[in-house]
């Protein structure tokens, strides 16, 4: 059953990247940031029969989701699949744990904050762990960098107004030291913040002049310079100095668990997450920022390596690799079908969303057959006995299903 995406036209998206991937008119009239494939309350995909996927699931939850998913998730699809294209940096943000999401959602309901209000943090009661797999070169800020590396960065740029914070980290090189410095950054008066950012940019430009693009800290220096150009008095520019700056090649991924501070910078990728739209923002955005609530959810333990490498698996599906995470709400794998490959098949154990990102693939689930081009997706209900993929021209398909508890 083919799925039509919910198109999100956020300002940070690209007018060309997703239209060109999907073979639609380019440039689009407005930035195209995300294509959603799923059954979220804020936007459900349409199925071939014209019904929303949410309505289809509601009409027959056991047939669409299977006994286990209904028992564990109460009749709702627990994951959401996206194509994402960032031409500009997204907001500096983190997502809550399940417990904090339930508490925050109930608290905002009790205060009478409308679900669509601009100052609403929790639009549902779910957590939002996520994984993003790069389809192009993809750049991001992900998780707090190990402190000794951040001290080395501060020393390399040698920003006079940042030396007190460098010394704070050196005196307490752990999660609490990071908490103290980050808290100082995000609560700094705007007048003082503008001076520090200006000093930082001057030193970053000087570093780039001396080292070019190949210096060990050149990507960070370039990133803070670019962010400061758009947000000259935003604490997110200083916070970027504390985070891992990651460059992904196509096929590589980053995983973000609860409380991991991050900002996607640019690139195109496949993103899979728990079925939630909860975002706590800390800067780099004109949208609602709630620093006290963000501080309640942040995880300050340094994250040495946020990347996830594809891992070969043997489930009887040639060309399949996994992107392992600890999350039960979703499991993501990629199936590569070189040109001329014979068909592959498997027996699904629950609902799945298949998303084609290159080439063309024929999907047969016993009841229906769909031909997907790049950017096309289909729904496989739990009631399907088998799924067969065939792609004479070659294709890449991302397979999302419910994980194991």
Protein backbone atom coordinates (compact mmCIF):
# COMPACT_ATOMS: atom_id res chain seq x y z
CA UNK A 1 0.00 0.00 0.00
CA UNK A 2 1.79 3.15 -1.22
CA UNK A 3 1.99 6.11 1.15
CA UNK A 4 1.76 9.77 0.19
CA UNK A 5 4.00 11.88 2.44
CA UNK A 6 3.02 14.73 4.66
CA UNK A 7 5.19 17.57 3.33
CA UNK A 8 6.60 19.98 5.90
CA UNK A 9 7.72 23.33 4.44
CA UNK A 10 9.91 24.59 7.29
CA UNK A 11 12.15 27.58 6.56
CA UNK A 12 15.40 25.64 7.04
CA UNK A 13 14.56 23.21 4.22
CA UNK A 14 15.80 23.19 0.62
CA UNK A 15 13.74 24.13 -2.44
CA UNK A 16 15.69 21.64 -4.56
CA UNK A 17 17.08 18.65 -2.61
CA UNK A 18 13.93 16.62 -1.89
CA UNK A 19 12.14 17.64 -5.12
CA UNK A 20 15.14 16.42 -7.12
CA UNK A 21 15.42 13.22 -5.08
CA UNK A 22 11.73 12.48 -5.61
CA UNK A 23 11.59 13.60 -9.25
CA UNK A 24 9.14 16.48 -8.72
CA UNK A 25 9.31 20.07 -9.96
CA UNK A 26 12.47 21.83 -8.82
CA UNK A 27 12.92 24.38 -7.39
CA UNK A 28 9.78 24.09 -5.29
CA UNK A 29 7.84 27.31 -4.51
CA UNK A 30 8.81 26.99 -0.82
CA UNK A 31 11.54 25.23 1.15
CA UNK A 32 10.77 21.52 1.51
CA UNK A 33 12.21 20.34 4.82
CA UNK A 34 10.62 16.96 5.55
CA UNK A 35 8.44 14.23 4.10
CA UNK A 36 6.65 12.32 6.88
CA UNK A 37 5.64 8.68 6.41
CA UNK A 38 3.58 7.51 9.33
CA UNK A 39 0.46 8.11 11.41
CA UNK A 40 1.31 11.02 13.70
CA UNK A 41 -1.55 13.14 15.05
CA UNK A 42 0.04 16.24 13.48
CA UNK A 43 0.07 14.66 10.03
CA UNK A 44 -0.78 11.19 8.77
CA UNK A 45 0.25 9.80 5.39
CA UNK A 46 -2.46 8.94 2.90
CA UNK A 47 -2.72 5.40 1.59
CA UNK A 48 -3.45 4.40 -1.98
CA UNK A 49 -7.14 3.88 -1.13
CA UNK A 50 -7.44 7.53 -0.03
CA UNK A 51 -7.63 6.82 3.69
CA UNK A 52 -5.17 8.22 6.17
CA UNK A 53 -2.81 5.62 7.62
CA UNK A 54 -4.07 6.64 11.07
CA UNK A 55 -7.67 5.87 10.04
CA UNK A 56 -6.65 2.58 8.47
CA UNK A 57 -4.91 1.51 11.68
CA UNK A 58 -7.84 2.67 13.85
CA UNK A 59 -10.28 0.60 11.76
CA UNK A 60 -8.31 -2.64 12.19
CA UNK A 61 -5.49 -2.29 14.73
CA UNK A 62 -4.86 -6.02 15.05
CA UNK A 63 -4.67 -6.56 11.29
CA UNK A 64 -2.49 -3.52 10.66
CA UNK A 65 -0.23 -3.60 13.75
CA UNK A 66 -0.43 -7.17 15.06
CA UNK A 67 -1.10 -8.45 18.56
CA UNK A 68 2.30 -7.56 20.05
CA UNK A 69 2.30 -3.92 18.92
CA UNK A 70 -1.31 -3.41 20.04
CA UNK A 71 -0.52 -4.91 23.44
CA UNK A 72 2.66 -2.88 23.92
CA UNK A 73 1.70 0.43 22.31
CA UNK A 74 -2.06 0.67 22.74
CA UNK A 75 -3.07 0.53 19.10
CA UNK A 76 -0.83 3.29 17.73
CA UNK A 77 2.10 3.02 15.32
CA UNK A 78 5.17 3.58 17.53
CA UNK A 79 7.52 5.02 14.89
CA UNK A 80 7.66 7.80 12.30
CA UNK A 81 9.80 7.77 9.14
CA UNK A 82 11.04 10.96 7.48
CA UNK A 83 13.04 12.20 4.55
CA UNK A 84 14.84 15.30 5.81
CA UNK A 85 16.64 18.03 3.89
CA UNK A 86 18.42 20.83 5.76
CA UNK A 87 19.83 23.76 3.80
CA UNK A 88 20.27 25.82 6.97
CA UNK A 89 20.91 24.83 10.57
CA UNK A 90 17.97 23.55 12.58
CA UNK A 91 17.42 24.81 16.11
CA UNK A 92 19.64 23.67 18.95
CA UNK A 93 17.39 21.12 20.62
CA UNK A 94 16.90 17.98 22.68
CA UNK A 95 14.08 15.49 23.19
CA UNK A 96 12.61 14.20 26.45
CA UNK A 97 12.67 10.78 28.08
CA UNK A 98 9.35 8.87 28.22
CA UNK A 99 8.83 9.89 31.83
CA UNK A 100 9.56 13.58 31.24
CA UNK A 101 7.35 13.61 28.14
CA UNK A 102 4.38 12.28 30.10
CA UNK A 103 4.98 14.73 32.95
CA UNK A 104 5.51 17.72 30.66
CA UNK A 105 2.47 16.95 28.52
CA UNK A 106 0.22 16.61 31.58
CA UNK A 107 1.59 19.79 33.13
CA UNK A 108 1.01 21.88 30.00
CA UNK A 109 -2.50 20.44 29.67
CA UNK A 110 -3.18 21.39 33.29
CA UNK A 111 -2.05 24.96 32.56
CA UNK A 112 -4.45 25.13 29.63
CA UNK A 113 -1.80 25.58 26.93
CA UNK A 114 -3.34 24.69 23.56
CA UNK A 115 -1.68 21.89 21.61
CA UNK A 116 -1.01 24.23 18.70
CA UNK A 117 0.19 27.17 20.85
CA UNK A 118 3.58 28.63 19.95
CA UNK A 119 4.77 28.25 23.54
CA UNK A 120 3.79 24.58 23.80
CA UNK A 121 6.78 22.27 24.40
CA UNK A 122 4.99 18.93 24.57
CA UNK A 123 2.62 18.23 21.71
CA UNK A 124 2.25 14.58 22.72
CA UNK A 125 3.13 12.39 25.70
CA UNK A 126 5.83 10.37 23.97
CA UNK A 127 9.60 10.41 23.91
CA UNK A 128 11.51 11.05 20.68
CA UNK A 129 14.72 9.08 20.30
CA UNK A 130 15.86 9.20 16.68
CA UNK A 131 18.41 8.00 14.17
CA UNK A 132 19.43 9.82 11.00
CA UNK A 133 21.16 8.06 8.09
CA UNK A 134 22.93 10.34 5.62
CA UNK A 135 21.93 10.16 1.96
CA UNK A 136 24.36 12.97 1.06
CA UNK A 137 27.27 14.36 3.01
CA UNK A 138 25.57 15.44 6.22
CA UNK A 139 26.81 17.79 8.94
CA UNK A 140 25.51 18.04 12.49
CA UNK A 141 26.27 19.03 16.07
CA UNK A 142 25.55 16.01 18.25
CA UNK A 143 26.04 15.52 21.99
CA UNK A 144 28.57 17.09 24.33
CA UNK A 145 32.17 16.55 23.26
CA UNK A 146 34.57 14.93 25.77
CA UNK A 147 35.87 17.74 27.96
CA UNK A 148 39.56 17.31 27.22
CA UNK A 149 38.83 17.76 23.52
CA UNK A 150 36.80 20.90 24.17
CA UNK A 151 39.64 22.35 26.24
CA UNK A 152 41.94 21.67 23.27
CA UNK A 153 39.49 23.54 21.01
CA UNK A 154 39.37 26.53 23.36
CA UNK A 155 43.17 26.58 23.44
CA UNK A 156 43.41 26.39 19.64
CA UNK A 157 41.04 29.31 19.06
CA UNK A 158 42.31 31.23 22.11
CA UNK A 159 39.28 33.47 22.57
CA UNK A 160 40.07 35.93 25.37
CA UNK A 161 36.46 36.22 26.58
CA UNK A 162 36.08 32.43 26.68
CA UNK A 163 39.17 31.77 28.83
CA UNK A 164 37.19 31.82 32.11
CA UNK A 165 34.93 29.05 30.75
CA UNK A 166 37.91 27.07 29.52
CA UNK A 167 39.29 27.26 33.07
CA UNK A 168 35.92 26.20 34.52
CA UNK A 169 36.05 23.05 32.39
CA UNK A 170 39.67 22.38 33.27
CA UNK A 171 38.78 22.66 36.97
CA UNK A 172 35.80 20.30 36.64
CA UNK A 173 36.30 18.14 33.51
CA UNK A 174 33.06 16.17 33.75
CA UNK A 175 29.31 16.37 33.18
CA UNK A 176 28.84 18.88 36.01
CA UNK A 177 31.49 21.13 34.53
CA UNK A 178 29.70 21.02 31.19
CA UNK A 179 26.40 21.77 32.92
CA UNK A 180 27.92 24.82 34.62
CA UNK A 181 29.44 26.24 31.44
CA UNK A 182 26.37 25.55 29.31
CA UNK A 183 24.09 27.12 31.93
CA UNK A 184 26.28 30.23 31.96
CA UNK A 185 26.11 30.46 28.17
CA UNK A 186 22.32 30.13 27.88
CA UNK A 187 21.60 32.59 30.71
CA UNK A 188 24.16 35.23 29.67
CA UNK A 189 22.70 38.75 29.11
CA UNK A 190 22.40 39.55 25.41
CA UNK A 191 24.78 42.51 25.59
CA UNK A 192 27.54 40.36 27.07
CA UNK A 193 26.67 37.50 24.73
CA UNK A 194 27.10 39.67 21.65
CA UNK A 195 30.58 40.67 22.80
CA UNK A 196 31.65 37.07 23.43
CA UNK A 197 30.27 35.89 20.08
CA UNK A 198 32.03 38.74 18.29
CA UNK A 199 35.33 37.83 19.97
CA UNK A 200 34.78 34.16 19.09
CA UNK A 201 34.11 34.94 15.43
CA UNK A 202 37.24 37.06 15.17
CA UNK A 203 39.38 34.23 16.54
CA UNK A 204 37.61 31.61 14.41
CA UNK A 205 38.26 33.64 11.26
CA UNK A 206 41.87 34.05 12.31
CA UNK A 207 42.19 30.29 12.84
CA UNK A 208 40.74 29.61 9.38
CA UNK A 209 43.11 32.14 7.81
CA UNK A 210 46.06 30.41 9.44
CA UNK A 211 45.04 26.78 8.93
CA UNK A 212 42.65 26.78 5.96
CA UNK A 213 40.01 24.09 5.72
CA UNK A 214 42.37 21.30 6.81
CA UNK A 215 43.09 22.44 10.36
CA UNK A 216 41.93 20.00 13.06
CA UNK A 217 39.39 22.54 14.32
CA UNK A 218 38.55 24.18 10.99
CA UNK A 219 35.06 22.60 10.69
CA UNK A 220 34.14 23.92 14.14
CA UNK A 221 35.57 27.36 13.39
CA UNK A 222 33.63 27.53 10.12
CA UNK A 223 30.42 26.37 11.79
CA UNK A 224 30.48 28.94 14.61
CA UNK A 225 31.25 31.66 12.06
CA UNK A 226 28.28 30.64 9.91
CA UNK A 227 25.94 30.36 12.91
CA UNK A 228 27.03 33.75 14.24
CA UNK A 229 26.28 35.36 10.89
CA UNK A 230 22.64 34.32 11.25
CA UNK A 231 22.37 34.54 15.06
CA UNK A 232 24.93 37.14 16.26
CA UNK A 233 23.67 37.27 19.86
CA UNK A 234 22.37 33.72 20.31
CA UNK A 235 23.68 31.41 23.05
CA UNK A 236 23.51 28.53 20.60
CA UNK A 237 26.65 29.88 18.91
CA UNK A 238 28.61 29.41 22.14
CA UNK A 239 26.90 26.07 22.88
CA UNK A 240 28.13 24.82 19.51
CA UNK A 241 31.66 25.01 20.94
CA UNK A 242 30.75 22.27 23.44
CA UNK A 243 29.26 19.77 20.98
CA UNK A 244 30.66 17.10 18.69
CA UNK A 245 30.74 18.42 15.14
CA UNK A 246 30.01 15.41 12.95
CA UNK A 247 30.44 14.95 9.20
CA UNK A 248 28.68 11.87 7.83
CA UNK A 249 29.33 10.17 4.52
CA UNK A 250 26.32 8.64 2.75
CA UNK A 251 25.25 5.51 4.60
CA UNK A 252 26.64 6.62 7.98
CA UNK A 253 24.30 7.59 10.81
CA UNK A 254 23.92 9.36 14.14
CA UNK A 255 21.72 8.16 16.99
CA UNK A 256 20.17 10.56 19.51
CA UNK A 257 18.83 9.21 22.76
CA UNK A 258 16.86 11.22 25.34
CA UNK A 259 18.43 14.50 26.37
CA UNK A 260 21.18 14.63 23.73
CA UNK A 261 21.64 18.24 22.62
CA UNK A 262 21.98 18.54 18.85
CA UNK A 263 21.48 20.67 15.76
CA UNK A 264 21.45 19.36 12.21
CA UNK A 265 23.42 21.75 10.00
CA UNK A 266 22.94 20.65 6.38
CA UNK A 267 22.42 17.64 4.19
CA UNK A 268 19.79 15.08 3.21
CA UNK A 269 18.97 11.97 5.21
CA UNK A 270 16.48 9.33 6.28
CA UNK A 271 15.30 9.94 9.84
CA UNK A 272 13.43 7.42 11.97
CA UNK A 273 12.11 8.22 15.42
CA UNK A 274 9.55 7.33 18.00
CA UNK A 275 6.16 8.67 16.98
CA UNK A 276 6.52 12.10 18.58
CA UNK A 277 6.98 15.77 17.76
CA UNK A 278 8.32 16.92 21.15
CA UNK A 279 11.19 19.42 20.86
CA UNK A 280 12.88 21.44 23.63
CA UNK A 281 14.81 24.29 22.00
CA UNK A 282 17.82 26.13 23.35
CA UNK A 283 18.72 28.55 20.56
CA UNK A 284 19.50 29.09 16.87
CA UNK A 285 15.83 29.67 16.14
CA UNK A 286 13.13 32.35 16.18
CA UNK A 287 10.75 29.73 17.66
CA UNK A 288 9.84 29.26 21.30
CA UNK A 289 12.86 28.63 23.55
CA UNK A 290 12.31 27.30 27.07
CA UNK A 291 15.70 27.12 28.76
CA UNK A 292 14.45 25.87 32.18
CA UNK A 293 12.56 22.99 30.56
CA UNK A 294 15.50 22.19 28.28
CA UNK A 295 17.77 21.98 31.33
CA UNK A 296 15.41 19.43 32.88
CA UNK A 297 15.87 17.02 29.99
CA UNK A 298 19.52 17.53 28.98
CA UNK A 299 22.08 14.75 29.32
CA UNK A 300 25.49 16.33 30.06
CA UNK A 301 27.54 13.15 30.12
CA UNK A 302 30.03 13.52 27.23
CA UNK A 303 29.30 11.51 24.12
CA UNK A 304 32.62 10.31 22.66
CA UNK A 305 31.16 8.98 19.41
CA UNK A 306 27.52 9.59 18.39
CA UNK A 307 27.87 7.82 15.03
CA UNK A 308 26.30 4.51 14.04
CA UNK A 309 27.88 2.36 11.35
CA UNK A 310 25.80 -0.05 9.24
CA UNK A 311 26.20 -3.60 10.51
CA UNK A 312 25.81 -6.68 8.27
CA UNK A 313 23.13 -9.07 9.50
CA UNK A 314 21.99 -12.53 8.51
CA UNK A 315 18.20 -12.67 8.46
CA UNK A 316 18.12 -14.36 5.08
CA UNK A 317 17.80 -11.06 3.17
CA UNK A 318 20.81 -10.54 0.88
CA UNK A 319 22.15 -6.99 0.95
CA UNK A 320 20.57 -6.02 4.30
CA UNK A 321 22.50 -4.08 6.95
CA UNK A 322 21.23 -2.89 10.33
CA UNK A 323 21.56 0.47 12.09
CA UNK A 324 21.48 -0.76 15.68
CA UNK A 325 20.07 1.38 18.50
CA UNK A 326 18.78 0.47 21.99
CA UNK A 327 15.26 1.69 21.16
CA UNK A 328 12.27 -0.70 21.13
CA UNK A 329 9.98 1.71 19.27
CA UNK A 330 11.79 1.27 15.96
CA UNK A 331 14.40 -0.79 14.17
CA UNK A 332 16.01 0.41 10.95
CA UNK A 333 17.86 -1.48 8.25
CA UNK A 334 18.92 -0.82 4.66
CA UNK A 335 18.55 -3.25 1.77
CA UNK A 336 20.76 -2.73 -1.27
CA UNK A 337 19.53 -4.34 -4.49
CA UNK A 338 22.21 -4.09 -7.19
CA UNK A 339 21.01 -4.04 -10.81
CA UNK A 340 20.15 -7.53 -11.98
CA UNK A 341 19.68 -8.87 -8.44
CA UNK A 342 17.12 -11.61 -7.98
CA UNK A 343 14.17 -10.77 -5.77
CA UNK A 344 14.50 -10.96 -2.00
CA UNK A 345 11.73 -11.82 0.43
CA UNK A 346 10.94 -12.15 4.13
CA UNK A 347 8.07 -12.77 6.52
CA UNK A 348 7.23 -9.60 8.47
CA UNK A 349 6.63 -9.98 12.20
CA UNK A 350 4.77 -6.68 12.49
CA UNK A 351 4.04 -3.46 10.60
CA UNK A 352 6.74 -2.00 8.38
CA UNK A 353 7.37 1.11 6.28
CA UNK A 354 9.62 0.65 3.24
CA UNK A 355 11.24 3.76 1.76
CA UNK A 356 13.08 3.73 -1.56
CA UNK A 357 15.90 6.28 -1.85
CA UNK A 358 17.60 5.30 -5.12
CA UNK A 359 16.53 3.40 -8.22
CA UNK A 360 13.20 1.65 -8.57
CA UNK A 361 11.77 -1.33 -6.70
CA UNK A 362 8.68 -3.51 -7.00
CA UNK A 363 7.12 -4.39 -3.64
CA UNK A 364 4.63 -7.24 -3.30
CA UNK A 365 3.11 -8.07 0.10
CA UNK A 366 0.70 -10.82 -0.93
CA UNK A 367 -2.31 -8.50 -1.33
CA UNK A 368 -0.94 -5.59 -3.30
CA UNK A 369 1.94 -4.62 -5.54
CA UNK A 370 3.57 -1.20 -5.66
CA UNK A 371 6.42 0.16 -7.74
CA UNK A 372 8.43 2.71 -5.79
CA UNK A 373 10.87 5.21 -7.23
CA UNK A 374 13.28 7.33 -5.22
CA UNK A 375 11.38 9.08 -2.43
CA UNK A 376 8.49 6.61 -2.60
CA UNK A 377 7.29 4.63 0.42
CA UNK A 378 4.78 1.91 1.17
CA UNK A 379 3.04 0.44 4.19
CA UNK A 380 3.27 -3.25 5.00
CA UNK A 381 0.58 -4.34 7.50
CA UNK A 382 1.30 -6.97 10.13
CA UNK A 383 -1.19 -9.27 8.40
CA UNK A 384 1.05 -9.60 5.32
CA UNK A 385 2.43 -13.14 5.01
CA UNK A 386 5.47 -12.24 2.95
CA UNK A 387 7.18 -9.20 1.43
CA UNK A 388 9.02 -9.52 -1.87
CA UNK A 389 11.32 -6.87 -3.35
CA UNK A 390 12.57 -6.93 -6.91
CA UNK A 391 14.51 -4.19 -8.66
CA UNK A 392 15.93 -5.01 -12.08
CA UNK A 393 17.45 -1.53 -12.32
CA UNK A 394 18.88 -1.61 -8.81
CA UNK A 395 17.54 0.14 -5.73
CA UNK A 396 18.19 1.10 -2.11
CA UNK A 397 15.35 0.53 0.35
CA UNK A 398 15.20 1.53 4.02
CA UNK A 399 13.13 -0.86 6.12
CA UNK A 400 11.59 0.41 9.37
CA UNK A 401 9.80 -1.92 11.77
CA UNK A 402 9.08 -2.13 15.51
CA UNK A 403 12.10 -3.09 17.59
CA UNK A 404 12.42 -5.68 20.33
CA UNK A 405 11.86 -4.91 23.99
